[in-house]
């Protein structure tokens, strides 16, 4: 699954266009490297989002095409 779509489905970023813009501005990195919106997310990837005051670091636990609001947070684990 594409990185921008993963960020939207897990609700780490509200809109896919915002996720796309964040990737273009190099505010999103995967495994320590800046990632493009088209990056193919894999299980175990570490995603860092540097938007706002506090950077967010998560580990990918599951990749689902669809997720209900209640289940969205089950796709990742917050680190630090």
C-alpha atoms as a PDB file:
ATOM      1  CA  UNK A   1       0.000   0.000   0.000  1.00  0.00           C
ATOM      2  CA  UNK A   2       1.197   3.520  -0.766  1.00  0.00           C
ATOM      3  CA  UNK A   3       2.515   5.572   2.143  1.00  0.00           C
ATOM      4  CA  UNK A   4       0.045   8.451   1.679  1.00  0.00           C
ATOM      5  CA  UNK A   5      -2.907   6.031   1.648  1.00  0.00           C
ATOM      6  CA  UNK A   6      -1.584   4.204   4.734  1.00  0.00           C
ATOM      7  CA  UNK A   7      -1.281   7.494   6.653  1.00  0.00           C
ATOM      8  CA  UNK A   8      -4.878   8.378   5.775  1.00  0.00           C
ATOM      9  CA  UNK A   9      -6.404   4.953   6.543  1.00  0.00           C
ATOM     10  CA  UNK A  10      -4.671   4.737   9.936  1.00  0.00           C
ATOM     11  CA  UNK A  11      -5.711   8.351  10.571  1.00  0.00           C
ATOM     12  CA  UNK A  12      -2.166   9.482  11.362  1.00  0.00           C
ATOM     13  CA  UNK A  13      -2.867  12.288   8.878  1.00  0.00           C
ATOM     14  CA  UNK A  14      -6.474  13.312   8.180  1.00  0.00           C
ATOM     15  CA  UNK A  15      -6.419  13.693   4.396  1.00  0.00           C
ATOM     16  CA  UNK A  16      -4.507  11.905   1.672  1.00  0.00           C
ATOM     17  CA  UNK A  17      -3.611  15.192  -0.049  1.00  0.00           C
ATOM     18  CA  UNK A  18      -2.116  16.488   3.208  1.00  0.00           C
ATOM     19  CA  UNK A  19      -0.151  13.230   3.554  1.00  0.00           C
ATOM     20  CA  UNK A  20       1.059  13.653  -0.021  1.00  0.00           C
ATOM     21  CA  UNK A  21       2.172  17.244   0.639  1.00  0.00           C
ATOM     22  CA  UNK A  22       3.943  16.203   3.859  1.00  0.00           C
ATOM     23  CA  UNK A  23       5.900  13.562   1.926  1.00  0.00           C
ATOM     24  CA  UNK A  24       6.830  16.110  -0.765  1.00  0.00           C
ATOM     25  CA  UNK A  25       8.071  18.510   1.953  1.00  0.00           C
ATOM     26  CA  UNK A  26      10.181  15.657   3.419  1.00  0.00           C
ATOM     27  CA  UNK A  27       8.311  15.751   6.737  1.00  0.00           C
ATOM     28  CA  UNK A  28       7.735  11.975   6.586  1.00  0.00           C
ATOM     29  CA  UNK A  29      10.553   9.445   6.776  1.00  0.00           C
ATOM     30  CA  UNK A  30      10.519   5.657   6.718  1.00  0.00           C
ATOM     31  CA  UNK A  31      13.305   3.720   8.430  1.00  0.00           C
ATOM     32  CA  UNK A  32      15.319   6.937   8.825  1.00  0.00           C
ATOM     33  CA  UNK A  33      15.145   8.031   5.162  1.00  0.00           C
ATOM     34  CA  UNK A  34      12.839  10.675   3.649  1.00  0.00           C
ATOM     35  CA  UNK A  35      10.041   8.842   1.822  1.00  0.00           C
ATOM     36  CA  UNK A  36       7.927   9.681  -1.184  1.00  0.00           C
ATOM     37  CA  UNK A  37       4.138   9.319  -1.103  1.00  0.00           C
ATOM     38  CA  UNK A  38       4.445   6.356  -3.492  1.00  0.00           C
ATOM     39  CA  UNK A  39       6.665   4.371  -1.087  1.00  0.00           C
ATOM     40  CA  UNK A  40       5.316   0.823  -0.608  1.00  0.00           C
ATOM     41  CA  UNK A  41       4.684   0.372   3.140  1.00  0.00           C
ATOM     42  CA  UNK A  42       5.765  -2.992   4.600  1.00  0.00           C
ATOM     43  CA  UNK A  43       5.159  -4.642   7.976  1.00  0.00           C
ATOM     44  CA  UNK A  44       7.754  -3.572  10.536  1.00  0.00           C
ATOM     45  CA  UNK A  45       8.549  -0.216   8.871  1.00  0.00           C
ATOM     46  CA  UNK A  46       9.261   2.679  11.243  1.00  0.00           C
ATOM     47  CA  UNK A  47       7.473   5.857  10.094  1.00  0.00           C
ATOM     48  CA  UNK A  48       8.425   9.281  11.490  1.00  0.00           C
ATOM     49  CA  UNK A  49       6.138  12.273  10.948  1.00  0.00           C
ATOM     50  CA  UNK A  50       7.672  15.684  11.721  1.00  0.00           C
ATOM     51  CA  UNK A  51       4.594  17.910  11.598  1.00  0.00           C
ATOM     52  CA  UNK A  52       3.614  20.216  14.430  1.00  0.00           C
ATOM     53  CA  UNK A  53       5.334  20.551  17.798  1.00  0.00           C
ATOM     54  CA  UNK A  54       6.192  16.943  18.597  1.00  0.00           C
ATOM     55  CA  UNK A  55       7.425  14.432  16.018  1.00  0.00           C
ATOM     56  CA  UNK A  56       5.515  11.137  15.908  1.00  0.00           C
ATOM     57  CA  UNK A  57       7.246   7.790  15.473  1.00  0.00           C
ATOM     58  CA  UNK A  58       5.226   4.630  14.770  1.00  0.00           C
ATOM     59  CA  UNK A  59       5.867   1.014  13.805  1.00  0.00           C
ATOM     60  CA  UNK A  60       3.663  -0.593  11.146  1.00  0.00           C
ATOM     61  CA  UNK A  61       1.832  -3.610  12.597  1.00  0.00           C
ATOM     62  CA  UNK A  62      -0.861  -4.217   9.977  1.00  0.00           C
ATOM     63  CA  UNK A  63      -1.752  -3.065   6.494  1.00  0.00           C
ATOM     64  CA  UNK A  64      -5.495  -3.002   5.816  1.00  0.00           C
ATOM     65  CA  UNK A  65      -7.215  -1.557   2.754  1.00  0.00           C
ATOM     66  CA  UNK A  66     -10.085  -0.276   4.902  1.00  0.00           C
ATOM     67  CA  UNK A  67     -10.395   0.532   8.587  1.00  0.00           C
ATOM     68  CA  UNK A  68     -13.227   1.758  10.744  1.00  0.00           C
ATOM     69  CA  UNK A  69     -12.529   4.685  13.031  1.00  0.00           C
ATOM     70  CA  UNK A  70     -12.286   2.381  16.052  1.00  0.00           C
ATOM     71  CA  UNK A  71      -9.874  -0.025  14.317  1.00  0.00           C
ATOM     72  CA  UNK A  72      -7.583   2.540  12.674  1.00  0.00           C
ATOM     73  CA  UNK A  73      -5.115   2.647  15.582  1.00  0.00           C
ATOM     74  CA  UNK A  74      -4.615  -1.135  15.449  1.00  0.00           C
ATOM     75  CA  UNK A  75      -2.469  -0.739  12.309  1.00  0.00           C
ATOM     76  CA  UNK A  76       0.456   0.850  14.150  1.00  0.00           C
ATOM     77  CA  UNK A  77       2.245   1.078  17.474  1.00  0.00           C
ATOM     78  CA  UNK A  78       3.548   4.403  18.799  1.00  0.00           C
ATOM     79  CA  UNK A  79       7.260   4.366  19.658  1.00  0.00           C
ATOM     80  CA  UNK A  80       8.721   6.911  22.112  1.00  0.00           C
END
